[in-house]
Amino acid sequence: KREHVASSRPAFLGAGGLTPAERGTALHTFMQFADYGAAAADPAGEIRRLTERGFLTPQQGRAIEPARVARFFASPLFARIRQSPRVLREVHFTIAVPAARLLDRPEDKERAGDDRLIIQGIADCVFEEEGSLVVVDYKTDRVKTGQELVDRYREQLHIYADALSRTLGLPVGQALLYSFALGRTVDATAVLREDWDAQQP
């Protein structure tokens, strides 16, 4: 029996009583298991279905905002996904990368030498388009601009592009971030190409 009940939720808790990180996990879980066609037609209905079937907890289901989901399924990005002959979700990968690549300070890079790190990751969505791959990462970060996301996840996208190209045997044509906070797609491809060009001898 609970005898002490808080009179109000802590400020860091959002809708459904979840922290921002937990809300992000709930939305990612929805995007992993949702029937895209059903979600596009009735976002709230698909949230209910996944909750009833146990893919989402009731608390997670309440934390997902149907309007944010609807905005994604009405986007040009989803139209492209829908037209793709090959759509993969939750793509697991393992890749070895130079340790120096993940370090900022020159002295740390030098100290790392030729050491390599094994990194395991999961790409939210990868689809094929005109013979190349489009990598999509869903983001729930509260940001004001798309550039904030590009700067924050630049190295992650590099690793994803390298790993998925090797794993799936096709070049990566685009690397995209879909921001649920901004309600739009952020194209990070140009930034990655700048980095790739700068690395050429």
N, C-alpha and C. Protein backbone atom coordinates (compact mmCIF):
# COMPACT_ATOMS: atom_id res chain seq x y z
N LYS A 1 0.85 -1.20 0.00
CA LYS A 1 0.00 0.00 0.00
C LYS A 1 0.89 1.25 0.00
N ARG A 2 0.62 2.15 -0.97
CA ARG A 2 1.40 3.38 -1.03
C ARG A 2 0.77 4.44 -0.14
N GLU A 3 1.57 4.97 0.79
CA GLU A 3 1.03 5.94 1.73
C GLU A 3 1.44 7.36 1.42
N HIS A 4 2.51 7.53 0.65
CA HIS A 4 2.99 8.87 0.34
C HIS A 4 2.95 9.08 -1.18
N VAL A 5 2.20 10.04 -1.60
CA VAL A 5 2.05 10.32 -3.02
C VAL A 5 2.49 11.75 -3.29
N ALA A 6 3.36 11.92 -4.29
CA ALA A 6 3.82 13.27 -4.62
C ALA A 6 2.66 14.09 -5.13
N SER A 7 2.63 15.33 -4.76
CA SER A 7 1.52 16.20 -5.15
C SER A 7 1.64 16.65 -6.60
N SER A 8 2.85 16.59 -7.14
CA SER A 8 3.03 16.96 -8.55
C SER A 8 4.23 16.22 -9.10
N ARG A 9 4.28 16.08 -10.43
CA ARG A 9 5.41 15.41 -11.05
C ARG A 9 6.64 16.29 -11.01
N PRO A 10 7.84 15.70 -10.87
CA PRO A 10 9.06 16.50 -10.99
C PRO A 10 9.10 17.18 -12.35
N ALA A 11 9.75 18.31 -12.42
CA ALA A 11 9.76 19.12 -13.64
C ALA A 11 10.37 18.40 -14.82
N PHE A 12 11.31 17.46 -14.56
CA PHE A 12 11.97 16.81 -15.69
C PHE A 12 11.12 15.73 -16.32
N LEU A 13 10.00 15.39 -15.71
CA LEU A 13 9.13 14.38 -16.29
C LEU A 13 8.17 15.02 -17.27
N GLY A 14 7.99 14.34 -18.41
CA GLY A 14 7.10 14.86 -19.43
C GLY A 14 5.77 14.13 -19.42
N ALA A 15 5.09 14.16 -20.57
CA ALA A 15 3.80 13.49 -20.69
C ALA A 15 3.95 12.01 -20.37
N GLY A 16 2.98 11.48 -19.66
CA GLY A 16 3.03 10.08 -19.30
C GLY A 16 3.96 9.79 -18.14
N GLY A 17 4.55 10.82 -17.53
CA GLY A 17 5.42 10.61 -16.40
C GLY A 17 6.79 10.09 -16.75
N LEU A 18 7.21 10.22 -18.01
CA LEU A 18 8.51 9.72 -18.45
C LEU A 18 9.52 10.86 -18.59
N THR A 19 10.79 10.54 -18.39
CA THR A 19 11.84 11.52 -18.64
C THR A 19 11.97 11.71 -20.15
N PRO A 20 12.64 12.78 -20.60
CA PRO A 20 12.85 12.96 -22.04
C PRO A 20 13.52 11.75 -22.70
N ALA A 21 14.50 11.15 -22.02
CA ALA A 21 15.18 9.98 -22.59
C ALA A 21 14.21 8.81 -22.73
N GLU A 22 13.36 8.62 -21.73
CA GLU A 22 12.38 7.53 -21.78
C GLU A 22 11.33 7.79 -22.85
N ARG A 23 10.96 9.04 -23.03
CA ARG A 23 10.02 9.39 -24.10
C ARG A 23 10.64 9.10 -25.47
N GLY A 24 11.93 9.39 -25.58
CA GLY A 24 12.63 9.09 -26.83
C GLY A 24 12.65 7.59 -27.10
N THR A 25 12.88 6.80 -26.06
CA THR A 25 12.88 5.35 -26.21
C THR A 25 11.50 4.85 -26.64
N ALA A 26 10.46 5.44 -26.07
CA ALA A 26 9.10 5.04 -26.43
C ALA A 26 8.82 5.31 -27.90
N LEU A 27 9.24 6.47 -28.37
CA LEU A 27 9.00 6.82 -29.77
C LEU A 27 9.81 5.93 -30.71
N HIS A 28 11.05 5.64 -30.34
CA HIS A 28 11.86 4.73 -31.15
C HIS A 28 11.24 3.33 -31.20
N THR A 29 10.70 2.88 -30.08
CA THR A 29 10.05 1.57 -30.05
C THR A 29 8.84 1.56 -30.96
N PHE A 30 8.08 2.64 -30.92
CA PHE A 30 6.93 2.75 -31.82
C PHE A 30 7.37 2.67 -33.27
N MET A 31 8.41 3.41 -33.64
CA MET A 31 8.86 3.43 -35.02
C MET A 31 9.45 2.08 -35.44
N GLN A 32 9.94 1.33 -34.48
CA GLN A 32 10.48 0.00 -34.79
C GLN A 32 9.38 -0.99 -35.13
N PHE A 33 8.29 -0.98 -34.37
CA PHE A 33 7.29 -2.03 -34.50
C PHE A 33 6.01 -1.60 -35.23
N ALA A 34 5.85 -0.33 -35.51
CA ALA A 34 4.61 0.13 -36.13
C ALA A 34 4.41 -0.44 -37.53
N ASP A 35 3.17 -0.71 -37.84
CA ASP A 35 2.77 -0.99 -39.22
C ASP A 35 2.69 0.38 -39.89
N TYR A 36 3.61 0.65 -40.80
CA TYR A 36 3.70 2.00 -41.38
C TYR A 36 2.41 2.42 -42.07
N GLY A 37 1.79 1.50 -42.77
CA GLY A 37 0.55 1.85 -43.45
C GLY A 37 -0.54 2.23 -42.47
N ALA A 38 -0.67 1.44 -41.40
CA ALA A 38 -1.68 1.71 -40.39
C ALA A 38 -1.37 3.01 -39.65
N ALA A 39 -0.08 3.24 -39.38
CA ALA A 39 0.31 4.45 -38.65
C ALA A 39 0.05 5.70 -39.49
N ALA A 40 0.25 5.59 -40.79
CA ALA A 40 0.00 6.73 -41.67
C ALA A 40 -1.50 7.06 -41.71
N ALA A 41 -2.33 6.04 -41.67
CA ALA A 41 -3.78 6.25 -41.75
C ALA A 41 -4.38 6.69 -40.42
N ASP A 42 -3.84 6.14 -39.32
CA ASP A 42 -4.43 6.42 -38.00
C ASP A 42 -3.34 6.30 -36.93
N PRO A 43 -2.54 7.35 -36.73
CA PRO A 43 -1.44 7.28 -35.76
C PRO A 43 -1.90 6.88 -34.35
N ALA A 44 -2.96 7.50 -33.86
CA ALA A 44 -3.44 7.19 -32.52
C ALA A 44 -3.89 5.73 -32.42
N GLY A 45 -4.52 5.25 -33.47
CA GLY A 45 -4.97 3.86 -33.49
C GLY A 45 -3.81 2.88 -33.45
N GLU A 46 -2.73 3.21 -34.15
CA GLU A 46 -1.58 2.32 -34.16
C GLU A 46 -0.85 2.35 -32.81
N ILE A 47 -0.83 3.51 -32.17
CA ILE A 47 -0.27 3.58 -30.81
C ILE A 47 -1.08 2.68 -29.88
N ARG A 48 -2.39 2.73 -29.99
CA ARG A 48 -3.25 1.88 -29.15
C ARG A 48 -3.00 0.41 -29.43
N ARG A 49 -2.87 0.06 -30.71
CA ARG A 49 -2.66 -1.36 -31.07
C ARG A 49 -1.36 -1.89 -30.48
N LEU A 50 -0.28 -1.12 -30.61
CA LEU A 50 1.01 -1.58 -30.08
C LEU A 50 1.00 -1.65 -28.56
N THR A 51 0.23 -0.76 -27.93
CA THR A 51 0.10 -0.80 -26.48
C THR A 51 -0.68 -2.04 -26.05
N GLU A 52 -1.79 -2.31 -26.74
CA GLU A 52 -2.61 -3.46 -26.41
C GLU A 52 -1.87 -4.78 -26.63
N ARG A 53 -0.96 -4.81 -27.61
CA ARG A 53 -0.21 -6.03 -27.91
C ARG A 53 1.08 -6.14 -27.11
N GLY A 54 1.37 -5.14 -26.27
CA GLY A 54 2.50 -5.24 -25.38
C GLY A 54 3.83 -4.77 -25.93
N PHE A 55 3.82 -4.20 -27.13
CA PHE A 55 5.07 -3.64 -27.67
C PHE A 55 5.43 -2.35 -26.93
N LEU A 56 4.42 -1.64 -26.50
CA LEU A 56 4.59 -0.43 -25.69
C LEU A 56 3.90 -0.63 -24.35
N THR A 57 4.50 -0.10 -23.30
CA THR A 57 3.79 -0.11 -22.02
C THR A 57 2.70 0.96 -22.08
N PRO A 58 1.69 0.86 -21.23
CA PRO A 58 0.66 1.92 -21.21
C PRO A 58 1.27 3.30 -21.00
N GLN A 59 2.29 3.39 -20.16
CA GLN A 59 2.95 4.66 -19.90
C GLN A 59 3.63 5.19 -21.16
N GLN A 60 4.29 4.29 -21.90
CA GLN A 60 4.93 4.70 -23.15
C GLN A 60 3.89 5.15 -24.17
N GLY A 61 2.80 4.40 -24.26
CA GLY A 61 1.76 4.75 -25.22
C GLY A 61 1.20 6.13 -24.97
N ARG A 62 1.00 6.48 -23.70
CA ARG A 62 0.47 7.80 -23.36
C ARG A 62 1.47 8.91 -23.65
N ALA A 63 2.77 8.58 -23.64
CA ALA A 63 3.80 9.60 -23.84
C ALA A 63 4.02 9.95 -25.31
N ILE A 64 3.56 9.11 -26.22
CA ILE A 64 3.77 9.36 -27.65
C ILE A 64 2.67 10.29 -28.15
N GLU A 65 3.07 11.37 -28.77
CA GLU A 65 2.11 12.35 -29.27
C GLU A 65 1.70 12.00 -30.70
N PRO A 66 0.44 11.65 -30.93
CA PRO A 66 0.00 11.28 -32.27
C PRO A 66 0.31 12.34 -33.33
N ALA A 67 0.25 13.61 -32.94
CA ALA A 67 0.49 14.68 -33.92
C ALA A 67 1.92 14.63 -34.46
N ARG A 68 2.89 14.32 -33.59
CA ARG A 68 4.28 14.22 -34.05
C ARG A 68 4.45 13.04 -34.99
N VAL A 69 3.80 11.94 -34.65
CA VAL A 69 3.86 10.75 -35.50
C VAL A 69 3.21 11.05 -36.85
N ALA A 70 2.05 11.71 -36.82
CA ALA A 70 1.33 12.03 -38.06
C ALA A 70 2.17 12.91 -38.97
N ARG A 71 2.94 13.84 -38.39
CA ARG A 71 3.77 14.73 -39.19
C ARG A 71 4.83 13.94 -39.96
N PHE A 72 5.40 12.92 -39.30
CA PHE A 72 6.40 12.09 -40.00
C PHE A 72 5.75 11.36 -41.17
N PHE A 73 4.60 10.74 -40.93
CA PHE A 73 3.98 9.93 -41.98
C PHE A 73 3.37 10.77 -43.10
N ALA A 74 3.27 12.08 -42.88
CA ALA A 74 2.82 12.99 -43.94
C ALA A 74 4.00 13.64 -44.66
N SER A 75 5.21 13.28 -44.27
CA SER A 75 6.40 13.97 -44.79
C SER A 75 6.86 13.41 -46.13
N PRO A 76 7.60 14.22 -46.89
CA PRO A 76 8.21 13.72 -48.14
C PRO A 76 9.14 12.54 -47.89
N LEU A 77 9.80 12.51 -46.74
CA LEU A 77 10.69 11.38 -46.43
C LEU A 77 9.91 10.07 -46.38
N PHE A 78 8.76 10.06 -45.72
CA PHE A 78 7.99 8.82 -45.66
C PHE A 78 7.50 8.42 -47.05
N ALA A 79 7.16 9.40 -47.88
CA ALA A 79 6.74 9.08 -49.24
C ALA A 79 7.86 8.34 -49.98
N ARG A 80 9.10 8.75 -49.76
CA ARG A 80 10.24 8.07 -50.38
C ARG A 80 10.40 6.66 -49.81
N ILE A 81 10.26 6.52 -48.51
CA ILE A 81 10.37 5.20 -47.89
C ILE A 81 9.31 4.26 -48.46
N ARG A 82 8.12 4.81 -48.63
CA ARG A 82 7.01 3.99 -49.13
C ARG A 82 7.26 3.49 -50.55
N GLN A 83 8.00 4.27 -51.34
CA GLN A 83 8.28 3.90 -52.73
C GLN A 83 9.48 2.99 -52.86
N SER A 84 10.24 2.80 -51.80
CA SER A 84 11.48 2.02 -51.89
C SER A 84 11.20 0.52 -52.05
N PRO A 85 12.03 -0.15 -52.86
CA PRO A 85 11.87 -1.60 -53.01
C PRO A 85 12.43 -2.39 -51.83
N ARG A 86 13.18 -1.71 -50.97
CA ARG A 86 13.82 -2.41 -49.85
C ARG A 86 13.93 -1.47 -48.65
N VAL A 87 13.21 -1.79 -47.60
CA VAL A 87 13.23 -0.97 -46.39
C VAL A 87 13.61 -1.86 -45.22
N LEU A 88 14.64 -1.46 -44.49
CA LEU A 88 15.11 -2.22 -43.34
C LEU A 88 14.99 -1.35 -42.09
N ARG A 89 14.53 -1.96 -41.00
CA ARG A 89 14.44 -1.23 -39.74
C ARG A 89 15.30 -1.91 -38.69
N GLU A 90 15.86 -1.11 -37.78
CA GLU A 90 16.68 -1.64 -36.70
C GLU A 90 17.79 -2.55 -37.26
N VAL A 91 18.64 -1.97 -38.08
CA VAL A 91 19.73 -2.72 -38.71
C VAL A 91 20.94 -2.75 -37.77
N HIS A 92 21.27 -3.93 -37.26
CA HIS A 92 22.40 -4.08 -36.34
C HIS A 92 23.70 -4.20 -37.13
N PHE A 93 24.77 -3.61 -36.60
CA PHE A 93 26.06 -3.72 -37.26
C PHE A 93 27.18 -3.68 -36.24
N THR A 94 28.33 -4.19 -36.67
CA THR A 94 29.56 -4.14 -35.88
C THR A 94 30.67 -3.69 -36.80
N ILE A 95 31.47 -2.73 -36.35
CA ILE A 95 32.53 -2.19 -37.19
C ILE A 95 33.74 -1.84 -36.32
N ALA A 96 34.92 -2.02 -36.88
CA ALA A 96 36.15 -1.60 -36.20
C ALA A 96 36.56 -0.25 -36.76
N VAL A 97 36.80 0.72 -35.87
CA VAL A 97 37.20 2.06 -36.31
C VAL A 97 38.48 2.47 -35.57
N PRO A 98 39.32 3.28 -36.21
CA PRO A 98 40.51 3.77 -35.51
C PRO A 98 40.12 4.54 -34.25
N ALA A 99 40.77 4.23 -33.14
CA ALA A 99 40.45 4.91 -31.89
C ALA A 99 40.66 6.42 -32.00
N ALA A 100 41.68 6.82 -32.76
CA ALA A 100 41.99 8.24 -32.91
C ALA A 100 40.83 9.01 -33.53
N ARG A 101 40.02 8.32 -34.30
CA ARG A 101 38.90 8.97 -34.97
C ARG A 101 37.86 9.50 -33.98
N LEU A 102 37.81 8.88 -32.81
CA LEU A 102 36.80 9.25 -31.83
C LEU A 102 37.32 10.20 -30.77
N LEU A 103 38.57 10.64 -30.92
CA LEU A 103 39.18 11.53 -29.94
C LEU A 103 39.33 12.94 -30.50
N ASP A 104 39.27 13.94 -29.65
CA ASP A 104 39.32 15.32 -30.09
C ASP A 104 40.72 15.93 -29.99
N ARG A 105 41.39 15.71 -28.90
CA ARG A 105 42.67 16.38 -28.68
C ARG A 105 43.79 15.71 -29.48
N PRO A 106 44.64 16.49 -30.13
CA PRO A 106 45.74 15.94 -30.94
C PRO A 106 46.62 14.98 -30.15
N GLU A 107 46.91 15.33 -28.89
CA GLU A 107 47.79 14.46 -28.09
C GLU A 107 47.14 13.11 -27.82
N ASP A 108 45.80 13.10 -27.67
CA ASP A 108 45.11 11.83 -27.46
C ASP A 108 45.11 11.00 -28.74
N LYS A 109 44.93 11.68 -29.87
CA LYS A 109 44.97 10.97 -31.15
C LYS A 109 46.33 10.32 -31.36
N GLU A 110 47.40 11.07 -31.03
CA GLU A 110 48.74 10.54 -31.21
C GLU A 110 48.97 9.35 -30.28
N ARG A 111 48.49 9.45 -29.06
CA ARG A 111 48.67 8.39 -28.09
C ARG A 111 47.92 7.12 -28.52
N ALA A 112 46.80 7.29 -29.20
CA ALA A 112 46.01 6.13 -29.63
C ALA A 112 46.72 5.31 -30.69
N GLY A 113 47.55 5.96 -31.49
CA GLY A 113 48.31 5.25 -32.51
C GLY A 113 47.42 4.51 -33.49
N ASP A 114 47.72 3.21 -33.68
CA ASP A 114 46.95 2.39 -34.62
C ASP A 114 45.87 1.57 -33.91
N ASP A 115 45.61 1.87 -32.66
CA ASP A 115 44.57 1.12 -31.93
C ASP A 115 43.22 1.28 -32.62
N ARG A 116 42.43 0.20 -32.55
CA ARG A 116 41.10 0.22 -33.14
C ARG A 116 40.07 -0.18 -32.08
N LEU A 117 38.88 0.35 -32.24
CA LEU A 117 37.78 0.03 -31.32
C LEU A 117 36.68 -0.69 -32.09
N ILE A 118 36.07 -1.66 -31.44
CA ILE A 118 34.93 -2.36 -32.02
C ILE A 118 33.66 -1.65 -31.56
N ILE A 119 32.89 -1.19 -32.50
CA ILE A 119 31.65 -0.46 -32.19
C ILE A 119 30.46 -1.23 -32.73
N GLN A 120 29.46 -1.40 -31.88
CA GLN A 120 28.21 -2.01 -32.29
C GLN A 120 27.13 -0.93 -32.30
N GLY A 121 26.29 -0.96 -33.30
CA GLY A 121 25.25 0.06 -33.39
C GLY A 121 24.00 -0.48 -34.05
N ILE A 122 22.98 0.33 -34.04
CA ILE A 122 21.70 -0.02 -34.67
C ILE A 122 21.21 1.19 -35.45
N ALA A 123 21.01 1.02 -36.73
CA ALA A 123 20.46 2.09 -37.57
C ALA A 123 18.93 1.99 -37.53
N ASP A 124 18.27 3.11 -37.31
CA ASP A 124 16.81 3.10 -37.18
C ASP A 124 16.12 2.64 -38.46
N CYS A 125 16.56 3.17 -39.59
CA CYS A 125 15.92 2.83 -40.86
C CYS A 125 16.92 3.01 -42.00
N VAL A 126 16.95 2.06 -42.90
CA VAL A 126 17.79 2.15 -44.09
C VAL A 126 16.92 1.72 -45.27
N PHE A 127 16.89 2.53 -46.31
CA PHE A 127 16.13 2.10 -47.48
C PHE A 127 16.93 2.32 -48.76
N GLU A 128 16.60 1.53 -49.75
CA GLU A 128 17.31 1.58 -51.02
C GLU A 128 16.58 2.51 -51.98
N GLU A 129 17.37 3.31 -52.69
CA GLU A 129 16.80 4.25 -53.64
C GLU A 129 17.78 4.44 -54.79
N GLU A 130 17.37 4.04 -55.97
CA GLU A 130 18.18 4.20 -57.19
C GLU A 130 19.59 3.62 -57.02
N GLY A 131 19.67 2.43 -56.46
CA GLY A 131 20.93 1.73 -56.37
C GLY A 131 21.86 2.14 -55.25
N SER A 132 21.39 3.00 -54.36
CA SER A 132 22.21 3.38 -53.20
C SER A 132 21.34 3.36 -51.95
N LEU A 133 22.01 3.50 -50.81
CA LEU A 133 21.31 3.44 -49.53
C LEU A 133 21.03 4.83 -48.99
N VAL A 134 19.90 4.98 -48.35
CA VAL A 134 19.56 6.18 -47.61
C VAL A 134 19.47 5.78 -46.14
N VAL A 135 20.32 6.34 -45.32
CA VAL A 135 20.35 6.03 -43.89
C VAL A 135 19.52 7.09 -43.16
N VAL A 136 18.58 6.63 -42.35
CA VAL A 136 17.70 7.54 -41.61
C VAL A 136 17.85 7.27 -40.12
N ASP A 137 18.13 8.30 -39.36
CA ASP A 137 18.21 8.17 -37.91
C ASP A 137 17.15 9.08 -37.29
N TYR A 138 16.30 8.50 -36.45
CA TYR A 138 15.25 9.28 -35.81
C TYR A 138 15.80 9.95 -34.55
N LYS A 139 15.52 11.24 -34.40
CA LYS A 139 16.01 11.99 -33.26
C LYS A 139 14.86 12.67 -32.52
N THR A 140 14.92 12.60 -31.19
CA THR A 140 13.90 13.24 -30.38
C THR A 140 14.49 14.38 -29.53
N ASP A 141 15.76 14.72 -29.78
CA ASP A 141 16.41 15.80 -29.04
C ASP A 141 15.62 17.11 -29.19
N ARG A 142 15.56 17.88 -28.12
CA ARG A 142 14.94 19.20 -28.21
C ARG A 142 15.98 20.18 -28.73
N VAL A 143 15.85 20.56 -29.96
CA VAL A 143 16.79 21.48 -30.60
C VAL A 143 16.02 22.59 -31.29
N LYS A 144 16.73 23.67 -31.60
CA LYS A 144 16.10 24.79 -32.31
C LYS A 144 16.40 24.76 -33.79
N THR A 145 17.52 24.14 -34.18
CA THR A 145 17.89 24.09 -35.59
C THR A 145 18.38 22.70 -35.96
N GLY A 146 18.28 22.39 -37.24
CA GLY A 146 18.79 21.12 -37.73
C GLY A 146 20.30 21.03 -37.62
N GLN A 147 20.98 22.16 -37.73
CA GLN A 147 22.44 22.16 -37.66
C GLN A 147 22.92 21.64 -36.31
N GLU A 148 22.16 21.91 -35.26
CA GLU A 148 22.53 21.37 -33.95
C GLU A 148 22.61 19.85 -33.99
N LEU A 149 21.66 19.23 -34.65
CA LEU A 149 21.66 17.78 -34.75
C LEU A 149 22.83 17.28 -35.59
N VAL A 150 23.09 17.96 -36.70
CA VAL A 150 24.20 17.55 -37.57
C VAL A 150 25.51 17.61 -36.81
N ASP A 151 25.72 18.70 -36.08
CA ASP A 151 26.96 18.85 -35.31
C ASP A 151 27.06 17.78 -34.22
N ARG A 152 25.95 17.48 -33.60
CA ARG A 152 25.93 16.54 -32.48
C ARG A 152 26.17 15.11 -32.93
N TYR A 153 25.67 14.76 -34.11
CA TYR A 153 25.71 13.36 -34.54
C TYR A 153 26.58 13.12 -35.78
N ARG A 154 27.41 14.06 -36.08
CA ARG A 154 28.26 13.98 -37.27
C ARG A 154 29.10 12.70 -37.30
N GLU A 155 29.81 12.42 -36.23
CA GLU A 155 30.68 11.24 -36.21
C GLU A 155 29.86 9.96 -36.20
N GLN A 156 28.74 9.97 -35.52
CA GLN A 156 27.87 8.80 -35.52
C GLN A 156 27.42 8.47 -36.94
N LEU A 157 27.06 9.48 -37.70
CA LEU A 157 26.61 9.25 -39.07
C LEU A 157 27.74 8.71 -39.94
N HIS A 158 28.96 9.18 -39.71
CA HIS A 158 30.10 8.62 -40.44
C HIS A 158 30.22 7.13 -40.21
N ILE A 159 30.14 6.75 -38.95
CA ILE A 159 30.28 5.34 -38.59
C ILE A 159 29.14 4.53 -39.20
N TYR A 160 27.91 5.06 -39.12
CA TYR A 160 26.77 4.35 -39.70
C TYR A 160 26.95 4.16 -41.20
N ALA A 161 27.37 5.22 -41.88
CA ALA A 161 27.53 5.14 -43.34
C ALA A 161 28.58 4.10 -43.71
N ASP A 162 29.72 4.13 -43.03
CA ASP A 162 30.77 3.15 -43.32
C ASP A 162 30.28 1.73 -43.07
N ALA A 163 29.68 1.52 -41.91
CA ALA A 163 29.26 0.17 -41.52
C ALA A 163 28.16 -0.37 -42.43
N LEU A 164 27.18 0.44 -42.74
CA LEU A 164 26.04 -0.04 -43.53
C LEU A 164 26.43 -0.27 -44.98
N SER A 165 27.34 0.53 -45.50
CA SER A 165 27.81 0.31 -46.86
C SER A 165 28.51 -1.05 -46.95
N ARG A 166 29.33 -1.36 -45.96
CA ARG A 166 30.02 -2.65 -45.96
C ARG A 166 29.05 -3.80 -45.72
N THR A 167 28.13 -3.62 -44.79
CA THR A 167 27.21 -4.69 -44.42
C THR A 167 26.23 -5.03 -45.54
N LEU A 168 25.71 -4.00 -46.19
CA LEU A 168 24.65 -4.20 -47.19
C LEU A 168 25.15 -4.19 -48.63
N GLY A 169 26.44 -3.86 -48.81
CA GLY A 169 27.03 -3.97 -50.14
C GLY A 169 26.62 -2.92 -51.15
N LEU A 170 26.16 -1.77 -50.67
CA LEU A 170 25.78 -0.67 -51.56
C LEU A 170 26.36 0.63 -51.01
N PRO A 171 26.62 1.61 -51.87
CA PRO A 171 27.10 2.90 -51.36
C PRO A 171 25.99 3.65 -50.65
N VAL A 172 26.36 4.49 -49.71
CA VAL A 172 25.39 5.34 -49.03
C VAL A 172 25.24 6.63 -49.81
N GLY A 173 24.05 6.87 -50.33
CA GLY A 173 23.81 8.07 -51.12
C GLY A 173 23.40 9.26 -50.27
N GLN A 174 22.70 9.00 -49.17
CA GLN A 174 22.26 10.08 -48.29
C GLN A 174 22.26 9.62 -46.84
N ALA A 175 22.55 10.56 -45.95
CA ALA A 175 22.43 10.34 -44.51
C ALA A 175 21.48 11.40 -43.98
N LEU A 176 20.36 10.97 -43.43
CA LEU A 176 19.32 11.89 -43.00
C LEU A 176 18.99 11.71 -41.53
N LEU A 177 18.67 12.81 -40.89
CA LEU A 177 18.14 12.80 -39.53
C LEU A 177 16.70 13.28 -39.59
N TYR A 178 15.78 12.51 -39.00
CA TYR A 178 14.42 13.03 -38.91
C TYR A 178 14.21 13.51 -37.49
N SER A 179 13.96 14.81 -37.34
CA SER A 179 13.77 15.42 -36.02
C SER A 179 12.29 15.47 -35.69
N PHE A 180 11.88 14.72 -34.67
CA PHE A 180 10.48 14.79 -34.24
C PHE A 180 10.20 16.10 -33.52
N ALA A 181 11.23 16.70 -32.94
CA ALA A 181 11.03 17.99 -32.27
C ALA A 181 10.77 19.10 -33.29
N LEU A 182 11.52 19.08 -34.39
CA LEU A 182 11.35 20.09 -35.43
C LEU A 182 10.26 19.72 -36.43
N GLY A 183 9.93 18.43 -36.48
CA GLY A 183 8.92 17.98 -37.42
C GLY A 183 9.38 17.99 -38.86
N ARG A 184 10.67 17.73 -39.07
CA ARG A 184 11.18 17.73 -40.44
C ARG A 184 12.47 16.92 -40.57
N THR A 185 12.86 16.69 -41.81
CA THR A 185 14.07 15.95 -42.12
C THR A 185 15.26 16.90 -42.23
N VAL A 186 16.39 16.48 -41.67
CA VAL A 186 17.62 17.25 -41.75
C VAL A 186 18.61 16.42 -42.56
N ASP A 187 19.08 16.99 -43.67
CA ASP A 187 20.00 16.28 -44.56
C ASP A 187 21.44 16.56 -44.13
N ALA A 188 22.14 15.51 -43.71
CA ALA A 188 23.53 15.67 -43.26
C ALA A 188 24.52 15.20 -44.31
N THR A 189 24.05 14.87 -45.50
CA THR A 189 24.91 14.29 -46.52
C THR A 189 26.05 15.21 -46.93
N ALA A 190 25.75 16.50 -47.12
CA ALA A 190 26.78 17.44 -47.58
C ALA A 190 27.94 17.53 -46.59
N VAL A 191 27.61 17.53 -45.30
CA VAL A 191 28.63 17.61 -44.27
C VAL A 191 29.53 16.37 -44.31
N LEU A 192 28.92 15.21 -44.48
CA LEU A 192 29.71 13.98 -44.54
C LEU A 192 30.61 13.98 -45.77
N ARG A 193 30.09 14.45 -46.88
CA ARG A 193 30.92 14.48 -48.09
C ARG A 193 32.10 15.44 -47.93
N GLU A 194 31.88 16.54 -47.26
CA GLU A 194 32.99 17.46 -46.99
C GLU A 194 34.08 16.75 -46.19
N ASP A 195 33.67 16.00 -45.19
CA ASP A 195 34.63 15.28 -44.36
C ASP A 195 35.34 14.21 -45.17
N TRP A 196 34.59 13.49 -46.01
CA TRP A 196 35.22 12.45 -46.83
C TRP A 196 36.25 13.06 -47.78
N ASP A 197 35.87 14.18 -48.40
CA ASP A 197 36.79 14.84 -49.34
C ASP A 197 38.05 15.33 -48.63
N ALA A 198 37.88 15.83 -47.39
CA ALA A 198 39.03 16.34 -46.64
C ALA A 198 39.99 15.22 -46.25
N GLN A 199 39.48 13.99 -46.17
CA GLN A 199 40.32 12.87 -45.78
C GLN A 199 41.09 12.27 -46.94
N GLN A 200 40.73 12.69 -48.16
CA GLN A 200 41.44 12.16 -49.33
C GLN A 200 42.86 12.70 -49.39
N PRO A 201 43.82 11.85 -49.78
CA PRO A 201 45.22 12.32 -49.84
C PRO A 201 45.42 13.34 -50.94
